[in-house]
Amino acid sequence: MATNKAISAGTGRRKTATARVNLVPGTGKWLVNKVTLEEYLPSEALRDYLKQPVAISGYDLSKVDVVVYAKGGGISGQAGAIRHGLARAIVAADETTRAALKKAGCMTRDSRMKERKKPGQPGARKRFQFSKR
């Protein structure tokens, strides 16, 4: 399955997670880091969330396998990255779906990230207690 030439590919990002999504000829299987989607993401809510681009675009995944390589971040961030990458891969395969996916917000990278810790402070926003004397 992984030896087949990819029909289309897309890279998605969310927080510190990155996902490379490849659509390859196949029978509709999902593999995330060489494991089935159900094993990798036990939460059905996250699985439904990352499959949104398929439902919105109406792209037929029965003829292709979805092969995903996800790294960084946590489960939720990786699910968002997979969703973003899947939307990009679907648009690369079928340009007519772009308008619907863009309107639904699947093509936009969610740029919310953890703010960096500043020097001389215990956290990003927290300050040490002020003492006048």
N, C-alpha and C. Protein backbone atom coordinates (compact mmCIF):
# COMPACT_ATOMS: atom_id res chain seq x y z
N MET A 1 0.82 -1.19 0.00
CA MET A 1 0.00 0.00 0.00
C MET A 1 0.86 1.25 0.00
N ALA A 2 1.88 1.34 0.84
CA ALA A 2 2.71 2.53 0.92
C ALA A 2 3.64 2.67 -0.28
N THR A 3 3.80 1.59 -1.06
CA THR A 3 4.68 1.65 -2.21
C THR A 3 4.01 2.31 -3.41
N ASN A 4 2.67 2.43 -3.37
CA ASN A 4 1.95 3.06 -4.47
C ASN A 4 2.28 4.54 -4.54
N LYS A 5 2.21 5.08 -5.75
CA LYS A 5 2.44 6.51 -5.94
C LYS A 5 1.25 7.29 -5.41
N ALA A 6 1.52 8.33 -4.67
CA ALA A 6 0.45 9.13 -4.07
C ALA A 6 -0.33 9.88 -5.14
N ILE A 7 -1.66 9.89 -4.98
CA ILE A 7 -2.52 10.67 -5.86
C ILE A 7 -2.33 12.14 -5.54
N SER A 8 -2.36 12.45 -4.26
CA SER A 8 -2.12 13.81 -3.80
C SER A 8 -1.63 13.78 -2.36
N ALA A 9 -1.03 14.87 -1.94
CA ALA A 9 -0.49 14.97 -0.59
C ALA A 9 -0.76 16.36 -0.03
N GLY A 10 -0.80 16.43 1.29
CA GLY A 10 -1.00 17.71 1.96
C GLY A 10 -0.35 17.70 3.32
N THR A 11 0.19 18.83 3.72
CA THR A 11 0.80 18.96 5.04
C THR A 11 -0.09 19.85 5.89
N GLY A 12 -0.41 19.37 7.09
CA GLY A 12 -1.25 20.14 8.00
C GLY A 12 -0.52 20.42 9.29
N ARG A 13 -0.85 21.55 9.90
CA ARG A 13 -0.21 21.91 11.16
C ARG A 13 -1.25 22.46 12.13
N ARG A 14 -1.03 22.20 13.43
CA ARG A 14 -1.89 22.71 14.50
C ARG A 14 -1.08 22.68 15.77
N LYS A 15 -0.99 23.80 16.47
CA LYS A 15 -0.15 23.94 17.66
C LYS A 15 1.28 23.51 17.29
N THR A 16 1.83 22.50 17.95
CA THR A 16 3.18 22.06 17.59
C THR A 16 3.14 20.74 16.82
N ALA A 17 1.98 20.31 16.39
CA ALA A 17 1.83 19.05 15.66
C ALA A 17 1.91 19.29 14.16
N THR A 18 2.48 18.32 13.46
CA THR A 18 2.57 18.35 12.00
C THR A 18 2.10 17.01 11.47
N ALA A 19 1.34 17.02 10.38
CA ALA A 19 0.86 15.78 9.78
C ALA A 19 1.04 15.84 8.27
N ARG A 20 1.66 14.79 7.72
CA ARG A 20 1.76 14.65 6.28
C ARG A 20 0.71 13.63 5.85
N VAL A 21 -0.21 14.05 4.99
CA VAL A 21 -1.32 13.21 4.56
C VAL A 21 -1.14 12.87 3.09
N ASN A 22 -1.13 11.57 2.78
CA ASN A 22 -1.02 11.11 1.39
C ASN A 22 -2.27 10.33 1.03
N LEU A 23 -2.81 10.61 -0.14
CA LEU A 23 -3.91 9.82 -0.69
C LEU A 23 -3.31 8.91 -1.76
N VAL A 24 -3.36 7.59 -1.52
CA VAL A 24 -2.79 6.62 -2.45
C VAL A 24 -3.90 5.70 -2.94
N PRO A 25 -3.78 5.13 -4.15
CA PRO A 25 -4.81 4.21 -4.64
C PRO A 25 -4.99 3.04 -3.67
N GLY A 26 -6.24 2.69 -3.38
CA GLY A 26 -6.49 1.61 -2.43
C GLY A 26 -7.97 1.35 -2.27
N THR A 27 -8.34 0.93 -1.05
CA THR A 27 -9.72 0.50 -0.81
C THR A 27 -10.42 1.28 0.30
N GLY A 28 -9.88 2.40 0.74
CA GLY A 28 -10.53 3.21 1.76
C GLY A 28 -10.00 3.02 3.16
N LYS A 29 -8.81 2.48 3.31
CA LYS A 29 -8.22 2.27 4.64
C LYS A 29 -7.55 3.55 5.13
N TRP A 30 -7.50 3.69 6.44
CA TRP A 30 -6.82 4.81 7.08
C TRP A 30 -5.66 4.26 7.88
N LEU A 31 -4.46 4.79 7.68
CA LEU A 31 -3.29 4.42 8.47
C LEU A 31 -2.67 5.69 9.02
N VAL A 32 -2.51 5.74 10.33
CA VAL A 32 -1.85 6.87 10.98
C VAL A 32 -0.63 6.31 11.70
N ASN A 33 0.55 6.71 11.27
CA ASN A 33 1.81 6.21 11.81
C ASN A 33 1.84 4.68 11.82
N LYS A 34 1.44 4.10 10.70
CA LYS A 34 1.44 2.64 10.47
C LYS A 34 0.50 1.87 11.39
N VAL A 35 -0.50 2.55 11.94
CA VAL A 35 -1.51 1.93 12.80
C VAL A 35 -2.87 2.38 12.27
N THR A 36 -3.91 1.57 12.47
CA THR A 36 -5.24 1.97 12.00
C THR A 36 -5.71 3.20 12.76
N LEU A 37 -6.61 3.94 12.15
CA LEU A 37 -7.12 5.18 12.74
C LEU A 37 -7.80 4.92 14.07
N GLU A 38 -8.56 3.83 14.17
CA GLU A 38 -9.29 3.51 15.41
C GLU A 38 -8.32 3.23 16.56
N GLU A 39 -7.19 2.59 16.26
CA GLU A 39 -6.20 2.32 17.31
C GLU A 39 -5.47 3.59 17.72
N TYR A 40 -5.16 4.44 16.74
CA TYR A 40 -4.38 5.64 17.02
C TYR A 40 -5.20 6.69 17.76
N LEU A 41 -6.45 6.88 17.33
CA LEU A 41 -7.34 7.85 17.97
C LEU A 41 -8.55 7.12 18.54
N PRO A 42 -8.54 6.75 19.81
CA PRO A 42 -9.67 6.02 20.37
C PRO A 42 -10.93 6.88 20.50
N SER A 43 -10.78 8.19 20.51
CA SER A 43 -11.92 9.09 20.67
C SER A 43 -12.68 9.24 19.35
N GLU A 44 -13.96 8.90 19.38
CA GLU A 44 -14.77 9.02 18.17
C GLU A 44 -15.00 10.48 17.79
N ALA A 45 -15.04 11.36 18.78
CA ALA A 45 -15.23 12.79 18.50
C ALA A 45 -14.06 13.33 17.68
N LEU A 46 -12.83 12.95 18.03
CA LEU A 46 -11.66 13.41 17.26
C LEU A 46 -11.65 12.80 15.86
N ARG A 47 -12.07 11.54 15.75
CA ARG A 47 -12.11 10.90 14.43
C ARG A 47 -13.13 11.60 13.53
N ASP A 48 -14.29 11.96 14.09
CA ASP A 48 -15.29 12.69 13.31
C ASP A 48 -14.77 14.07 12.92
N TYR A 49 -14.03 14.70 13.84
CA TYR A 49 -13.48 16.04 13.58
C TYR A 49 -12.49 16.00 12.42
N LEU A 50 -11.60 15.02 12.40
CA LEU A 50 -10.60 15.01 11.34
C LEU A 50 -11.16 14.52 10.01
N LYS A 51 -12.36 13.90 10.03
CA LYS A 51 -12.99 13.46 8.78
C LYS A 51 -13.92 14.53 8.19
N GLN A 52 -14.00 15.70 8.82
CA GLN A 52 -14.87 16.77 8.34
C GLN A 52 -14.62 17.16 6.89
N PRO A 53 -13.35 17.30 6.44
CA PRO A 53 -13.13 17.68 5.04
C PRO A 53 -13.73 16.69 4.04
N VAL A 54 -13.77 15.41 4.40
CA VAL A 54 -14.35 14.40 3.52
C VAL A 54 -15.86 14.61 3.42
N ALA A 55 -16.51 14.85 4.57
CA ALA A 55 -17.95 15.04 4.59
C ALA A 55 -18.35 16.33 3.86
N ILE A 56 -17.57 17.37 4.04
CA ILE A 56 -17.90 18.67 3.42
C ILE A 56 -17.71 18.63 1.91
N SER A 57 -16.58 18.07 1.48
CA SER A 57 -16.26 18.07 0.05
C SER A 57 -17.00 16.99 -0.73
N GLY A 58 -17.41 15.93 -0.04
CA GLY A 58 -18.06 14.82 -0.73
C GLY A 58 -17.07 13.98 -1.54
N TYR A 59 -15.79 14.09 -1.21
CA TYR A 59 -14.74 13.34 -1.92
C TYR A 59 -14.89 11.85 -1.61
N ASP A 60 -14.81 11.01 -2.64
CA ASP A 60 -14.99 9.56 -2.49
C ASP A 60 -13.69 8.91 -2.05
N LEU A 61 -13.63 8.50 -0.78
CA LEU A 61 -12.42 7.86 -0.25
C LEU A 61 -12.43 6.34 -0.40
N SER A 62 -13.45 5.79 -1.06
CA SER A 62 -13.51 4.33 -1.20
C SER A 62 -12.48 3.80 -2.20
N LYS A 63 -11.96 4.66 -3.05
CA LYS A 63 -10.97 4.24 -4.05
C LYS A 63 -9.54 4.57 -3.64
N VAL A 64 -9.38 5.26 -2.51
CA VAL A 64 -8.04 5.65 -2.06
C VAL A 64 -7.84 5.27 -0.60
N ASP A 65 -6.58 5.06 -0.23
CA ASP A 65 -6.20 4.87 1.16
C ASP A 65 -5.61 6.18 1.66
N VAL A 66 -5.83 6.48 2.92
CA VAL A 66 -5.29 7.69 3.53
C VAL A 66 -4.13 7.25 4.42
N VAL A 67 -2.93 7.68 4.06
CA VAL A 67 -1.73 7.34 4.83
C VAL A 67 -1.23 8.62 5.47
N VAL A 68 -1.13 8.62 6.81
CA VAL A 68 -0.79 9.83 7.56
C VAL A 68 0.46 9.56 8.40
N TYR A 69 1.36 10.53 8.42
CA TYR A 69 2.51 10.53 9.31
C TYR A 69 2.37 11.77 10.19
N ALA A 70 2.05 11.56 11.47
CA ALA A 70 1.82 12.67 12.39
C ALA A 70 2.89 12.65 13.48
N LYS A 71 3.35 13.85 13.85
CA LYS A 71 4.34 13.94 14.93
C LYS A 71 4.17 15.26 15.65
N GLY A 72 4.67 15.31 16.88
CA GLY A 72 4.63 16.54 17.66
C GLY A 72 3.29 16.77 18.32
N GLY A 73 3.31 17.55 19.38
CA GLY A 73 2.08 17.93 20.05
C GLY A 73 1.39 16.77 20.74
N GLY A 74 0.10 16.90 20.94
CA GLY A 74 -0.69 15.85 21.58
C GLY A 74 -1.74 15.31 20.63
N ILE A 75 -2.65 14.53 21.17
CA ILE A 75 -3.67 13.87 20.36
C ILE A 75 -4.56 14.90 19.66
N SER A 76 -5.03 15.91 20.39
CA SER A 76 -5.93 16.91 19.82
C SER A 76 -5.23 17.74 18.74
N GLY A 77 -4.00 18.13 19.00
CA GLY A 77 -3.24 18.90 18.02
C GLY A 77 -2.98 18.09 16.77
N GLN A 78 -2.67 16.80 16.93
CA GLN A 78 -2.43 15.95 15.77
C GLN A 78 -3.71 15.74 14.97
N ALA A 79 -4.86 15.63 15.65
CA ALA A 79 -6.13 15.49 14.94
C ALA A 79 -6.41 16.74 14.10
N GLY A 80 -6.14 17.91 14.66
CA GLY A 80 -6.31 19.15 13.90
C GLY A 80 -5.35 19.25 12.74
N ALA A 81 -4.12 18.78 12.93
CA ALA A 81 -3.14 18.79 11.85
C ALA A 81 -3.54 17.83 10.74
N ILE A 82 -4.06 16.66 11.11
CA ILE A 82 -4.51 15.69 10.11
C ILE A 82 -5.68 16.27 9.32
N ARG A 83 -6.60 16.94 10.00
CA ARG A 83 -7.75 17.57 9.33
C ARG A 83 -7.27 18.60 8.31
N HIS A 84 -6.33 19.43 8.70
CA HIS A 84 -5.79 20.46 7.82
C HIS A 84 -5.08 19.82 6.62
N GLY A 85 -4.25 18.81 6.88
CA GLY A 85 -3.52 18.14 5.81
C GLY A 85 -4.45 17.40 4.86
N LEU A 86 -5.51 16.78 5.42
CA LEU A 86 -6.47 16.05 4.58
C LEU A 86 -7.21 17.02 3.66
N ALA A 87 -7.58 18.18 4.18
CA ALA A 87 -8.25 19.18 3.35
C ALA A 87 -7.34 19.63 2.21
N ARG A 88 -6.06 19.85 2.50
CA ARG A 88 -5.11 20.24 1.45
C ARG A 88 -4.92 19.14 0.42
N ALA A 89 -4.89 17.89 0.87
CA ALA A 89 -4.72 16.76 -0.05
C ALA A 89 -5.94 16.61 -0.96
N ILE A 90 -7.13 16.80 -0.39
CA ILE A 90 -8.35 16.69 -1.20
C ILE A 90 -8.39 17.80 -2.25
N VAL A 91 -7.99 19.01 -1.88
CA VAL A 91 -7.96 20.12 -2.83
C VAL A 91 -6.92 19.86 -3.92
N ALA A 92 -5.79 19.25 -3.56
CA ALA A 92 -4.77 18.92 -4.56
C ALA A 92 -5.29 17.88 -5.55
N ALA A 93 -6.16 16.98 -5.07
CA ALA A 93 -6.72 15.95 -5.95
C ALA A 93 -7.89 16.49 -6.76
N ASP A 94 -8.70 17.37 -6.17
CA ASP A 94 -9.90 17.89 -6.85
C ASP A 94 -10.06 19.37 -6.49
N GLU A 95 -9.66 20.23 -7.40
CA GLU A 95 -9.63 21.69 -7.16
C GLU A 95 -11.04 22.27 -6.95
N THR A 96 -12.09 21.60 -7.42
CA THR A 96 -13.45 22.15 -7.30
C THR A 96 -13.95 22.15 -5.86
N THR A 97 -13.31 21.39 -4.98
CA THR A 97 -13.76 21.32 -3.58
C THR A 97 -13.20 22.45 -2.72
N ARG A 98 -12.30 23.24 -3.27
CA ARG A 98 -11.61 24.28 -2.49
C ARG A 98 -12.57 25.30 -1.86
N ALA A 99 -13.54 25.77 -2.60
CA ALA A 99 -14.45 26.81 -2.10
C ALA A 99 -15.23 26.32 -0.88
N ALA A 100 -15.76 25.11 -0.95
CA ALA A 100 -16.55 24.57 0.16
C ALA A 100 -15.68 24.34 1.40
N LEU A 101 -14.47 23.81 1.19
CA LEU A 101 -13.57 23.56 2.32
C LEU A 101 -13.08 24.86 2.95
N LYS A 102 -12.84 25.86 2.12
CA LYS A 102 -12.37 27.16 2.63
C LYS A 102 -13.48 27.83 3.44
N LYS A 103 -14.71 27.73 2.96
CA LYS A 103 -15.84 28.34 3.67
C LYS A 103 -16.06 27.67 5.02
N ALA A 104 -15.82 26.36 5.09
CA ALA A 104 -16.00 25.62 6.34
C ALA A 104 -14.84 25.81 7.31
N GLY A 105 -13.74 26.44 6.85
CA GLY A 105 -12.60 26.70 7.71
C GLY A 105 -11.59 25.58 7.77
N CYS A 106 -11.69 24.62 6.87
CA CYS A 106 -10.76 23.49 6.87
C CYS A 106 -9.42 23.83 6.25
N MET A 107 -9.37 24.86 5.43
CA MET A 107 -8.13 25.22 4.74
C MET A 107 -7.27 26.20 5.55
N THR A 108 -7.84 26.74 6.63
CA THR A 108 -7.14 27.72 7.43
C THR A 108 -6.34 27.03 8.52
N ARG A 109 -5.07 27.40 8.64
CA ARG A 109 -4.23 26.84 9.69
C ARG A 109 -4.59 27.51 11.00
N ASP A 110 -4.90 26.73 12.02
CA ASP A 110 -5.22 27.26 13.34
C ASP A 110 -3.91 27.69 13.99
N SER A 111 -3.67 28.98 14.08
CA SER A 111 -2.36 29.49 14.49
C SER A 111 -2.20 29.65 15.99
N ARG A 112 -3.20 29.22 16.76
CA ARG A 112 -3.08 29.37 18.22
C ARG A 112 -2.02 28.42 18.75
N MET A 113 -0.98 28.99 19.35
CA MET A 113 0.10 28.20 19.92
C MET A 113 0.36 28.69 21.34
N LYS A 114 1.07 27.88 22.09
CA LYS A 114 1.44 28.25 23.44
C LYS A 114 2.44 29.41 23.36
N GLU A 115 2.20 30.42 24.21
CA GLU A 115 3.09 31.58 24.23
C GLU A 115 4.40 31.22 24.92
N ARG A 116 5.49 31.75 24.42
CA ARG A 116 6.79 31.40 24.97
C ARG A 116 7.00 32.03 26.34
N LYS A 117 7.82 31.39 27.15
CA LYS A 117 8.18 31.92 28.46
C LYS A 117 9.17 33.06 28.27
N LYS A 118 8.94 34.17 28.99
CA LYS A 118 9.82 35.33 28.87
C LYS A 118 10.93 35.25 29.93
N PRO A 119 12.10 35.81 29.64
CA PRO A 119 13.19 35.78 30.62
C PRO A 119 12.85 36.64 31.84
N GLY A 120 13.26 36.18 33.00
CA GLY A 120 13.01 36.92 34.23
C GLY A 120 11.61 36.77 34.77
N GLN A 121 10.84 35.81 34.23
CA GLN A 121 9.48 35.56 34.68
C GLN A 121 9.29 34.06 34.87
N PRO A 122 8.34 33.67 35.74
CA PRO A 122 8.12 32.24 35.92
C PRO A 122 7.33 31.59 34.79
N GLY A 123 6.65 32.38 33.96
CA GLY A 123 5.86 31.82 32.86
C GLY A 123 5.72 32.84 31.75
N ALA A 124 4.78 32.59 30.84
CA ALA A 124 4.60 33.49 29.72
C ALA A 124 4.05 34.85 30.15
N ARG A 125 3.04 34.83 31.04
CA ARG A 125 2.42 36.07 31.50
C ARG A 125 2.62 36.34 32.97
N LYS A 126 2.82 35.28 33.74
CA LYS A 126 2.92 35.43 35.19
C LYS A 126 4.21 36.18 35.57
N ARG A 127 4.07 37.02 36.58
CA ARG A 127 5.21 37.77 37.08
C ARG A 127 5.54 37.29 38.49
N PHE A 128 6.77 37.51 38.91
CA PHE A 128 7.09 37.24 40.31
C PHE A 128 6.40 38.27 41.17
N GLN A 129 6.10 37.90 42.44
CA GLN A 129 5.37 38.79 43.33
C GLN A 129 6.16 40.06 43.58
N PHE A 130 5.47 41.20 43.49
CA PHE A 130 6.11 42.50 43.69
C PHE A 130 6.25 42.78 45.18
N SER A 131 7.42 43.24 45.57
CA SER A 131 7.66 43.61 46.95
C SER A 131 8.26 45.01 46.99
N LYS A 132 7.55 45.95 47.65
CA LYS A 132 8.05 47.32 47.69
C LYS A 132 9.26 47.41 48.59
N ARG A 133 9.27 46.61 49.66
CA ARG A 133 10.40 46.63 50.60
C ARG A 133 10.94 45.25 50.83
